[in-house]
Amino acid sequence: MGLQALTAGSAGEALEAIRLSAGRVAPALLDLNMPGLGGLAALDALRALDPPAPALLVTGSADLLGADDLGRIGAAGVLARPFDVGRLREAVAALLGR
């Protein structure tokens, strides 16, 4: 897809890398149940950036999240674990309008 992955050891490191990227990183993949700063708190931080960074939420509980929930919490989409590379590509392409 012509994208380069950035990895981080924690949500805090990921948010700092995204902040420093000045809008060049999209989308962020966030696990709902990340240790430390959880996925919902990380989504709030991404929405507060200028420009806001879109995020796909990764969770094993996708069946508990509806479209209204995703809009309310600020996620651009959800990937249910386990997912394969094809599903990841589809979600990223949809988010980027490709």
PDB file of N, CA and C in Angstrom:
ATOM      1  N   MET A   1       0.818  -1.206   0.000  1.00  0.00           N
ATOM      2  CA  MET A   1       0.000   0.000   0.000  1.00  0.00           C
ATOM      3  C   MET A   1       0.854   1.259   0.000  1.00  0.00           C
ATOM      4  N   GLY A   2       2.165   1.093   0.035  1.00  0.00           N
ATOM      5  CA  GLY A   2       3.036   2.252   0.042  1.00  0.00           C
ATOM      6  C   GLY A   2       3.134   2.941   1.383  1.00  0.00           C
ATOM      7  N   LEU A   3       2.761   2.250   2.442  1.00  0.00           N
ATOM      8  CA  LEU A   3       2.816   2.817   3.780  1.00  0.00           C
ATOM      9  C   LEU A   3       3.963   2.186   4.555  1.00  0.00           C
ATOM     10  N   GLN A   4       4.518   2.936   5.470  1.00  0.00           N
ATOM     11  CA  GLN A   4       5.575   2.428   6.338  1.00  0.00           C
ATOM     12  C   GLN A   4       5.018   2.332   7.750  1.00  0.00           C
ATOM     13  N   ALA A   5       5.238   1.212   8.406  1.00  0.00           N
ATOM     14  CA  ALA A   5       4.746   1.013   9.773  1.00  0.00           C
ATOM     15  C   ALA A   5       5.717   1.597  10.786  1.00  0.00           C
ATOM     16  N   LEU A   6       5.167   2.259  11.777  1.00  0.00           N
ATOM     17  CA  LEU A   6       5.929   2.704  12.940  1.00  0.00           C
ATOM     18  C   LEU A   6       5.448   1.868  14.111  1.00  0.00           C
ATOM     19  N   THR A   7       6.346   1.444  14.952  1.00  0.00           N
ATOM     20  CA  THR A   7       5.954   0.689  16.128  1.00  0.00           C
ATOM     21  C   THR A   7       6.393   1.434  17.379  1.00  0.00           C
ATOM     22  N   ALA A   8       5.715   1.128  18.473  1.00  0.00           N
ATOM     23  CA  ALA A   8       6.040   1.772  19.742  1.00  0.00           C
ATOM     24  C   ALA A   8       5.862   0.755  20.858  1.00  0.00           C
ATOM     25  N   GLY A   9       6.597   0.944  21.924  1.00  0.00           N
ATOM     26  CA  GLY A   9       6.536   0.040  23.057  1.00  0.00           C
ATOM     27  C   GLY A   9       5.407   0.333  24.015  1.00  0.00           C
ATOM     28  N   SER A  10       4.773   1.486  23.854  1.00  0.00           N
ATOM     29  CA  SER A  10       3.659   1.852  24.730  1.00  0.00           C
ATOM     30  C   SER A  10       2.778   2.854  24.001  1.00  0.00           C
ATOM     31  N   ALA A  11       1.587   3.071  24.550  1.00  0.00           N
ATOM     32  CA  ALA A  11       0.686   4.062  23.956  1.00  0.00           C
ATOM     33  C   ALA A  11       1.300   5.460  24.028  1.00  0.00           C
ATOM     34  N   GLY A  12       1.986   5.753  25.117  1.00  0.00           N
ATOM     35  CA  GLY A  12       2.624   7.062  25.252  1.00  0.00           C
ATOM     36  C   GLY A  12       3.668   7.301  24.177  1.00  0.00           C
ATOM     37  N   GLU A  13       4.495   6.279  23.911  1.00  0.00           N
ATOM     38  CA  GLU A  13       5.499   6.396  22.848  1.00  0.00           C
ATOM     39  C   GLU A  13       4.827   6.551  21.486  1.00  0.00           C
ATOM     40  N   ALA A  14       3.754   5.818  21.263  1.00  0.00           N
ATOM     41  CA  ALA A  14       3.042   5.909  19.986  1.00  0.00           C
ATOM     42  C   ALA A  14       2.457   7.302  19.790  1.00  0.00           C
ATOM     43  N   LEU A  15       1.842   7.845  20.818  1.00  0.00           N
ATOM     44  CA  LEU A  15       1.255   9.186  20.710  1.00  0.00           C
ATOM     45  C   LEU A  15       2.324  10.235  20.445  1.00  0.00           C
ATOM     46  N   GLU A  16       3.469  10.098  21.072  1.00  0.00           N
ATOM     47  CA  GLU A  16       4.564  11.048  20.837  1.00  0.00           C
ATOM     48  C   GLU A  16       5.062  10.946  19.393  1.00  0.00           C
ATOM     49  N   ALA A  17       5.207   9.729  18.876  1.00  0.00           N
ATOM     50  CA  ALA A  17       5.649   9.549  17.488  1.00  0.00           C
ATOM     51  C   ALA A  17       4.638  10.133  16.519  1.00  0.00           C
ATOM     52  N   ILE A  18       3.368   9.933  16.787  1.00  0.00           N
ATOM     53  CA  ILE A  18       2.322  10.486  15.920  1.00  0.00           C
ATOM     54  C   ILE A  18       2.328  12.005  15.996  1.00  0.00           C
ATOM     55  N   ARG A  19       2.472  12.547  17.196  1.00  0.00           N
ATOM     56  CA  ARG A  19       2.514  14.006  17.367  1.00  0.00           C
ATOM     57  C   ARG A  19       3.682  14.603  16.592  1.00  0.00           C
ATOM     58  N   LEU A  20       4.840  13.949  16.666  1.00  0.00           N
ATOM     59  CA  LEU A  20       6.030  14.451  15.980  1.00  0.00           C
ATOM     60  C   LEU A  20       5.950  14.287  14.463  1.00  0.00           C
ATOM     61  N   SER A  21       5.072  13.423  13.994  1.00  0.00           N
ATOM     62  CA  SER A  21       4.962  13.172  12.551  1.00  0.00           C
ATOM     63  C   SER A  21       4.235  14.295  11.822  1.00  0.00           C
ATOM     64  N   ALA A  22       3.630  15.209  12.566  1.00  0.00           N
ATOM     65  CA  ALA A  22       2.953  16.374  11.979  1.00  0.00           C
ATOM     66  C   ALA A  22       1.960  15.983  10.890  1.00  0.00           C
ATOM     67  N   GLY A  23       1.089  15.004  11.193  1.00  0.00           N
ATOM     68  CA  GLY A  23       0.034  14.638  10.264  1.00  0.00           C
ATOM     69  C   GLY A  23       0.418  13.650   9.187  1.00  0.00           C
ATOM     70  N   ARG A  24       1.622  13.113   9.231  1.00  0.00           N
ATOM     71  CA  ARG A  24       2.057  12.162   8.192  1.00  0.00           C
ATOM     72  C   ARG A  24       1.738  10.720   8.556  1.00  0.00           C
ATOM     73  N   VAL A  25       1.211  10.448   9.752  1.00  0.00           N
ATOM     74  CA  VAL A  25       0.913   9.089  10.179  1.00  0.00           C
ATOM     75  C   VAL A  25      -0.596   8.868  10.160  1.00  0.00           C
ATOM     76  N   ALA A  26      -1.018   7.861   9.427  1.00  0.00           N
ATOM     77  CA  ALA A  26      -2.436   7.495   9.419  1.00  0.00           C
ATOM     78  C   ALA A  26      -2.564   6.110   8.839  1.00  0.00           C
ATOM     79  N   PRO A  27      -3.348   5.293   9.355  1.00  0.00           N
ATOM     80  CA  PRO A  27      -4.047   5.429  10.635  1.00  0.00           C
ATOM     81  C   PRO A  27      -3.239   4.794  11.763  1.00  0.00           C
ATOM     82  N   ALA A  28      -3.639   5.083  12.966  1.00  0.00           N
ATOM     83  CA  ALA A  28      -3.059   4.420  14.131  1.00  0.00           C
ATOM     84  C   ALA A  28      -3.890   3.173  14.411  1.00  0.00           C
ATOM     85  N   LEU A  29      -3.232   2.093  14.788  1.00  0.00           N
ATOM     86  CA  LEU A  29      -3.918   0.874  15.232  1.00  0.00           C
ATOM     87  C   LEU A  29      -3.794   0.828  16.743  1.00  0.00           C
ATOM     88  N   LEU A  30      -4.908   0.852  17.432  1.00  0.00           N
ATOM     89  CA  LEU A  30      -4.903   0.876  18.889  1.00  0.00           C
ATOM     90  C   LEU A  30      -5.683  -0.298  19.435  1.00  0.00           C
ATOM     91  N   ASP A  31      -5.078  -1.018  20.360  1.00  0.00           N
ATOM     92  CA  ASP A  31      -5.804  -2.080  21.026  1.00  0.00           C
ATOM     93  C   ASP A  31      -6.667  -1.466  22.122  1.00  0.00           C
ATOM     94  N   LEU A  32      -7.902  -1.896  22.193  1.00  0.00           N
ATOM     95  CA  LEU A  32      -8.811  -1.370  23.212  1.00  0.00           C
ATOM     96  C   LEU A  32      -8.276  -1.602  24.612  1.00  0.00           C
ATOM     97  N   ASN A  33      -7.576  -2.708  24.816  1.00  0.00           N
ATOM     98  CA  ASN A  33      -7.101  -3.081  26.150  1.00  0.00           C
ATOM     99  C   ASN A  33      -5.588  -2.973  26.282  1.00  0.00           C
ATOM    100  N   MET A  34      -5.010  -1.864  25.806  1.00  0.00           N
ATOM    101  CA  MET A  34      -3.570  -1.672  25.943  1.00  0.00           C
ATOM    102  C   MET A  34      -3.204  -1.492  27.412  1.00  0.00           C
ATOM    103  N   PRO A  35      -2.048  -2.011  27.819  1.00  0.00           N
ATOM    104  CA  PRO A  35      -1.607  -1.758  29.193  1.00  0.00           C
ATOM    105  C   PRO A  35      -1.225  -0.287  29.357  1.00  0.00           C
ATOM    106  N   GLY A  36      -1.345   0.195  30.548  1.00  0.00           N
ATOM    107  CA  GLY A  36      -1.036   1.606  30.795  1.00  0.00           C
ATOM    108  C   GLY A  36      -2.167   2.466  30.266  1.00  0.00           C
ATOM    109  N   LEU A  37      -1.858   3.344  29.344  1.00  0.00           N
ATOM    110  CA  LEU A  37      -2.863   4.197  28.727  1.00  0.00           C
ATOM    111  C   LEU A  37      -3.729   3.317  27.829  1.00  0.00           C
ATOM    112  N   GLY A  38      -4.987   3.169  28.132  1.00  0.00           N
ATOM    113  CA  GLY A  38      -5.885   2.301  27.375  1.00  0.00           C
ATOM    114  C   GLY A  38      -6.253   2.881  26.026  1.00  0.00           C
ATOM    115  N   GLY A  39      -6.885   2.061  25.217  1.00  0.00           N
ATOM    116  CA  GLY A  39      -7.264   2.455  23.867  1.00  0.00           C
ATOM    117  C   GLY A  39      -8.194   3.654  23.810  1.00  0.00           C
ATOM    118  N   LEU A  40      -9.149   3.738  24.728  1.00  0.00           N
ATOM    119  CA  LEU A  40     -10.086   4.868  24.706  1.00  0.00           C
ATOM    120  C   LEU A  40      -9.384   6.174  25.060  1.00  0.00           C
ATOM    121  N   ALA A  41      -8.484   6.144  26.028  1.00  0.00           N
ATOM    122  CA  ALA A  41      -7.723   7.342  26.379  1.00  0.00           C
ATOM    123  C   ALA A  41      -6.805   7.742  25.227  1.00  0.00           C
ATOM    124  N   ALA A  42      -6.213   6.755  24.554  1.00  0.00           N
ATOM    125  CA  ALA A  42      -5.355   7.049  23.403  1.00  0.00           C
ATOM    126  C   ALA A  42      -6.168   7.661  22.269  1.00  0.00           C
ATOM    127  N   LEU A  43      -7.401   7.170  22.053  1.00  0.00           N
ATOM    128  CA  LEU A  43      -8.266   7.773  21.033  1.00  0.00           C
ATOM    129  C   LEU A  43      -8.537   9.237  21.344  1.00  0.00           C
ATOM    130  N   ASP A  44      -8.823   9.538  22.601  1.00  0.00           N
ATOM    131  CA  ASP A  44      -9.035  10.932  23.005  1.00  0.00           C
ATOM    132  C   ASP A  44      -7.816  11.787  22.685  1.00  0.00           C
ATOM    133  N   ALA A  45      -6.625  11.271  22.972  1.00  0.00           N
ATOM    134  CA  ALA A  45      -5.394  12.017  22.710  1.00  0.00           C
ATOM    135  C   ALA A  45      -5.189  12.224  21.211  1.00  0.00           C
ATOM    136  N   LEU A  46      -5.517  11.222  20.392  1.00  0.00           N
ATOM    137  CA  LEU A  46      -5.370  11.356  18.937  1.00  0.00           C
ATOM    138  C   LEU A  46      -6.334  12.396  18.381  1.00  0.00           C
ATOM    139  N   ARG A  47      -7.538  12.445  18.919  1.00  0.00           N
ATOM    140  CA  ARG A  47      -8.517  13.447  18.457  1.00  0.00           C
ATOM    141  C   ARG A  47      -8.096  14.857  18.841  1.00  0.00           C
ATOM    142  N   ALA A  48      -7.298  14.989  19.895  1.00  0.00           N
ATOM    143  CA  ALA A  48      -6.862  16.309  20.360  1.00  0.00           C
ATOM    144  C   ALA A  48      -5.684  16.859  19.566  1.00  0.00           C
ATOM    145  N   LEU A  49      -5.048  16.012  18.732  1.00  0.00           N
ATOM    146  CA  LEU A  49      -3.911  16.471  17.935  1.00  0.00           C
ATOM    147  C   LEU A  49      -4.367  17.406  16.827  1.00  0.00           C
ATOM    148  N   ASP A  50      -3.459  18.209  16.324  1.00  0.00           N
ATOM    149  CA  ASP A  50      -3.754  19.104  15.207  1.00  0.00           C
ATOM    150  C   ASP A  50      -2.791  18.794  14.068  1.00  0.00           C
ATOM    151  N   PRO A  51      -3.213  18.110  13.017  1.00  0.00           N
ATOM    152  CA  PRO A  51      -4.589  17.643  12.777  1.00  0.00           C
ATOM    153  C   PRO A  51      -4.863  16.362  13.559  1.00  0.00           C
ATOM    154  N   PRO A  52      -6.164  16.079  13.817  1.00  0.00           N
ATOM    155  CA  PRO A  52      -6.505  14.835  14.509  1.00  0.00           C
ATOM    156  C   PRO A  52      -6.023  13.629  13.705  1.00  0.00           C
ATOM    157  N   ALA A  53      -5.575  12.597  14.390  1.00  0.00           N
ATOM    158  CA  ALA A  53      -5.090  11.389  13.719  1.00  0.00           C
ATOM    159  C   ALA A  53      -6.177  10.321  13.756  1.00  0.00           C
ATOM    160  N   PRO A  54      -6.515   9.732  12.602  1.00  0.00           N
ATOM    161  CA  PRO A  54      -7.523   8.678  12.587  1.00  0.00           C
ATOM    162  C   PRO A  54      -6.972   7.398  13.206  1.00  0.00           C
ATOM    163  N   ALA A  55      -7.860   6.598  13.762  1.00  0.00           N
ATOM    164  CA  ALA A  55      -7.430   5.365  14.414  1.00  0.00           C
ATOM    165  C   ALA A  55      -8.395   4.233  14.135  1.00  0.00           C
ATOM    166  N   LEU A  56      -7.828   3.063  13.952  1.00  0.00           N
ATOM    167  CA  LEU A  56      -8.592   1.824  13.899  1.00  0.00           C
ATOM    168  C   LEU A  56      -8.421   1.143  15.239  1.00  0.00           C
ATOM    169  N   LEU A  57      -9.519   0.735  15.823  1.00  0.00           N
ATOM    170  CA  LEU A  57      -9.499   0.077  17.111  1.00  0.00           C
ATOM    171  C   LEU A  57      -9.392  -1.425  16.894  1.00  0.00           C
ATOM    172  N   VAL A  58      -8.471  -2.066  17.583  1.00  0.00           N
ATOM    173  CA  VAL A  58      -8.280  -3.511  17.518  1.00  0.00           C
ATOM    174  C   VAL A  58      -8.786  -4.094  18.826  1.00  0.00           C
ATOM    175  N   THR A  59      -9.671  -5.079  18.731  1.00  0.00           N
ATOM    176  CA  THR A  59     -10.247  -5.652  19.941  1.00  0.00           C
ATOM    177  C   THR A  59     -10.729  -7.072  19.722  1.00  0.00           C
ATOM    178  N   GLY A  60     -10.763  -7.823  20.771  1.00  0.00           N
ATOM    179  CA  GLY A  60     -11.363  -9.145  20.747  1.00  0.00           C
ATOM    180  C   GLY A  60     -12.837  -9.087  21.076  1.00  0.00           C
ATOM    181  N   SER A  61     -13.347  -7.885  21.330  1.00  0.00           N
ATOM    182  CA  SER A  61     -14.746  -7.689  21.719  1.00  0.00           C
ATOM    183  C   SER A  61     -15.501  -6.832  20.715  1.00  0.00           C
ATOM    184  N   ALA A  62     -15.204  -6.990  19.436  1.00  0.00           N
ATOM    185  CA  ALA A  62     -15.813  -6.146  18.403  1.00  0.00           C
ATOM    186  C   ALA A  62     -17.323  -6.286  18.375  1.00  0.00           C
ATOM    187  N   ASP A  63     -17.843  -7.451  18.736  1.00  0.00           N
ATOM    188  CA  ASP A  63     -19.285  -7.650  18.709  1.00  0.00           C
ATOM    189  C   ASP A  63     -19.997  -6.786  19.746  1.00  0.00           C
ATOM    190  N   LEU A  64     -19.257  -6.230  20.692  1.00  0.00           N
ATOM    191  CA  LEU A  64     -19.839  -5.350  21.693  1.00  0.00           C
ATOM    192  C   LEU A  64     -19.881  -3.900  21.248  1.00  0.00           C
ATOM    193  N   LEU A  65     -19.251  -3.589  20.103  1.00  0.00           N
ATOM    194  CA  LEU A  65     -19.179  -2.214  19.615  1.00  0.00           C
ATOM    195  C   LEU A  65     -20.023  -2.048  18.369  1.00  0.00           C
ATOM    196  N   GLY A  66     -20.960  -1.123  18.403  1.00  0.00           N
ATOM    197  CA  GLY A  66     -21.756  -0.798  17.231  1.00  0.00           C
ATOM    198  C   GLY A  66     -21.243   0.465  16.571  1.00  0.00           C
ATOM    199  N   ALA A  67     -21.838   0.830  15.436  1.00  0.00           N
ATOM    200  CA  ALA A  67     -21.422   2.037  14.710  1.00  0.00           C
ATOM    201  C   ALA A  67     -21.571   3.280  15.580  1.00  0.00           C
ATOM    202  N   ASP A  68     -22.621   3.358  16.381  1.00  0.00           N
ATOM    203  CA  ASP A  68     -22.806   4.512  17.263  1.00  0.00           C
ATOM    204  C   ASP A  68     -21.684   4.604  18.282  1.00  0.00           C
ATOM    205  N   ASP A  69     -21.269   3.436  18.806  1.00  0.00           N
ATOM    206  CA  ASP A  69     -20.169   3.419  19.775  1.00  0.00           C
ATOM    207  C   ASP A  69     -18.883   3.933  19.153  1.00  0.00           C
ATOM    208  N   LEU A  70     -18.586   3.486  17.918  1.00  0.00           N
ATOM    209  CA  LEU A  70     -17.350   3.907  17.251  1.00  0.00           C
ATOM    210  C   LEU A  70     -17.340   5.413  17.048  1.00  0.00           C
ATOM    211  N   GLY A  71     -18.454   5.981  16.616  1.00  0.00           N
ATOM    212  CA  GLY A  71     -18.524   7.424  16.430  1.00  0.00           C
ATOM    213  C   GLY A  71     -18.368   8.174  17.735  1.00  0.00           C
ATOM    214  N   ARG A  72     -18.999   7.662  18.766  1.00  0.00           N
ATOM    215  CA  ARG A  72     -18.951   8.320  20.074  1.00  0.00           C
ATOM    216  C   ARG A  72     -17.543   8.319  20.646  1.00  0.00           C
ATOM    217  N   ILE A  73     -16.825   7.201  20.479  1.00  0.00           N
ATOM    218  CA  ILE A  73     -15.488   7.125  21.063  1.00  0.00           C
ATOM    219  C   ILE A  73     -14.400   7.648  20.129  1.00  0.00           C
ATOM    220  N   GLY A  74     -14.751   7.911  18.874  1.00  0.00           N
ATOM    221  CA  GLY A  74     -13.791   8.530  17.966  1.00  0.00           C
ATOM    222  C   GLY A  74     -12.978   7.583  17.114  1.00  0.00           C
ATOM    223  N   ALA A  75     -13.348   6.312  17.055  1.00  0.00           N
ATOM    224  CA  ALA A  75     -12.617   5.364  16.215  1.00  0.00           C
ATOM    225  C   ALA A  75     -13.161   5.420  14.792  1.00  0.00           C
ATOM    226  N   ALA A  76     -12.258   5.358  13.830  1.00  0.00           N
ATOM    227  CA  ALA A  76     -12.657   5.366  12.432  1.00  0.00           C
ATOM    228  C   ALA A  76     -13.163   3.992  11.986  1.00  0.00           C
ATOM    229  N   GLY A  77     -12.797   2.958  12.717  1.00  0.00           N
ATOM    230  CA  GLY A  77     -13.221   1.604  12.401  1.00  0.00           C
ATOM    231  C   GLY A  77     -12.715   0.652  13.454  1.00  0.00           C
ATOM    232  N   VAL A  78     -13.112  -0.594  13.309  1.00  0.00           N
ATOM    233  CA  VAL A  78     -12.711  -1.606  14.280  1.00  0.00           C
ATOM    234  C   VAL A  78     -12.269  -2.859  13.541  1.00  0.00           C
ATOM    235  N   LEU A  79     -11.212  -3.467  14.029  1.00  0.00           N
ATOM    236  CA  LEU A  79     -10.726  -4.749  13.532  1.00  0.00           C
ATOM    237  C   LEU A  79     -10.872  -5.749  14.665  1.00  0.00           C
ATOM    238  N   ALA A  80     -11.629  -6.807  14.415  1.00  0.00           N
ATOM    239  CA  ALA A  80     -11.804  -7.840  15.427  1.00  0.00           C
ATOM    240  C   ALA A  80     -10.643  -8.814  15.358  1.00  0.00           C
ATOM    241  N   ARG A  81     -10.045  -9.110  16.520  1.00  0.00           N
ATOM    242  CA  ARG A  81      -8.994 -10.116  16.587  1.00  0.00           C
ATOM    243  C   ARG A  81      -9.637 -11.486  16.574  1.00  0.00           C
ATOM    244  N   PRO A  82      -9.046 -12.447  15.964  1.00  0.00           N
ATOM    245  CA  PRO A  82      -7.863 -12.321  15.102  1.00  0.00           C
ATOM    246  C   PRO A  82      -8.273 -11.792  13.725  1.00  0.00           C
ATOM    247  N   PHE A  83      -7.378 -11.042  13.087  1.00  0.00           N
ATOM    248  CA  PHE A  83      -7.639 -10.562  11.736  1.00  0.00           C
ATOM    249  C   PHE A  83      -6.443 -10.901  10.877  1.00  0.00           C
ATOM    250  N   ASP A  84      -6.667 -10.945   9.566  1.00  0.00           N
ATOM    251  CA  ASP A  84      -5.572 -11.270   8.656  1.00  0.00           C
ATOM    252  C   ASP A  84      -5.136 -10.010   7.916  1.00  0.00           C
ATOM    253  N   VAL A  85      -4.072 -10.136   7.159  1.00  0.00           N
ATOM    254  CA  VAL A  85      -3.504  -8.987   6.436  1.00  0.00           C
ATOM    255  C   VAL A  85      -4.520  -8.416   5.451  1.00  0.00           C
ATOM    256  N   GLY A  86      -5.309  -9.273   4.821  1.00  0.00           N
ATOM    257  CA  GLY A  86      -6.307  -8.796   3.868  1.00  0.00           C
ATOM    258  C   GLY A  86      -7.326  -7.888   4.524  1.00  0.00           C
ATOM    259  N   ARG A  87      -7.801  -8.261   5.698  1.00  0.00           N
ATOM    260  CA  ARG A  87      -8.783  -7.440   6.426  1.00  0.00           C
ATOM    261  C   ARG A  87      -8.139  -6.126   6.872  1.00  0.00           C
ATOM    262  N   LEU A  88      -6.893  -6.168   7.280  1.00  0.00           N
ATOM    263  CA  LEU A  88      -6.183  -4.946   7.656  1.00  0.00           C
ATOM    264  C   LEU A  88      -6.062  -4.018   6.458  1.00  0.00           C
ATOM    265  N   ARG A  89      -5.680  -4.558   5.310  1.00  0.00           N
ATOM    266  CA  ARG A  89      -5.577  -3.740   4.088  1.00  0.00           C
ATOM    267  C   ARG A  89      -6.905  -3.097   3.742  1.00  0.00           C
ATOM    268  N   GLU A  90      -7.987  -3.869   3.824  1.00  0.00           N
ATOM    269  CA  GLU A  90      -9.323  -3.335   3.515  1.00  0.00           C
ATOM    270  C   GLU A  90      -9.681  -2.184   4.443  1.00  0.00           C
ATOM    271  N   ALA A  91      -9.433  -2.350   5.737  1.00  0.00           N
ATOM    272  CA  ALA A  91      -9.764  -1.322   6.704  1.00  0.00           C
ATOM    273  C   ALA A  91      -8.943  -0.057   6.489  1.00  0.00           C
ATOM    274  N   VAL A  92      -7.650  -0.213   6.230  1.00  0.00           N
ATOM    275  CA  VAL A  92      -6.791   0.949   5.989  1.00  0.00           C
ATOM    276  C   VAL A  92      -7.178   1.638   4.684  1.00  0.00           C
ATOM    277  N   ALA A  93      -7.441   0.864   3.632  1.00  0.00           N
ATOM    278  CA  ALA A  93      -7.841   1.442   2.350  1.00  0.00           C
ATOM    279  C   ALA A  93      -9.142   2.227   2.505  1.00  0.00           C
ATOM    280  N   ALA A  94     -10.100   1.689   3.225  1.00  0.00           N
ATOM    281  CA  ALA A  94     -11.365   2.384   3.428  1.00  0.00           C
ATOM    282  C   ALA A  94     -11.153   3.686   4.195  1.00  0.00           C
ATOM    283  N   LEU A  95     -10.307   3.650   5.198  1.00  0.00           N
ATOM    284  CA  LEU A  95     -10.025   4.829   5.990  1.00  0.00           C
ATOM    285  C   LEU A  95      -9.333   5.916   5.168  1.00  0.00           C
ATOM    286  N   LEU A  96      -8.432   5.496   4.290  1.00  0.00           N
ATOM    287  CA  LEU A  96      -7.679   6.462   3.484  1.00  0.00           C
ATOM    288  C   LEU A  96      -8.409   6.834   2.190  1.00  0.00           C
ATOM    289  N   GLY A  97      -9.582   6.256   1.975  1.00  0.00           N
ATOM    290  CA  GLY A  97     -10.370   6.586   0.787  1.00  0.00           C
ATOM    291  C   GLY A  97      -9.792   6.012  -0.498  1.00  0.00           C
ATOM    292  N   ARG A  98      -9.165   4.844  -0.396  1.00  0.00           N
ATOM    293  CA  ARG A  98      -8.553   4.217  -1.575  1.00  0.00           C
ATOM    294  C   ARG A  98      -9.436   3.103  -2.092  1.00  0.00           C
TER     295      ARG A  98
END
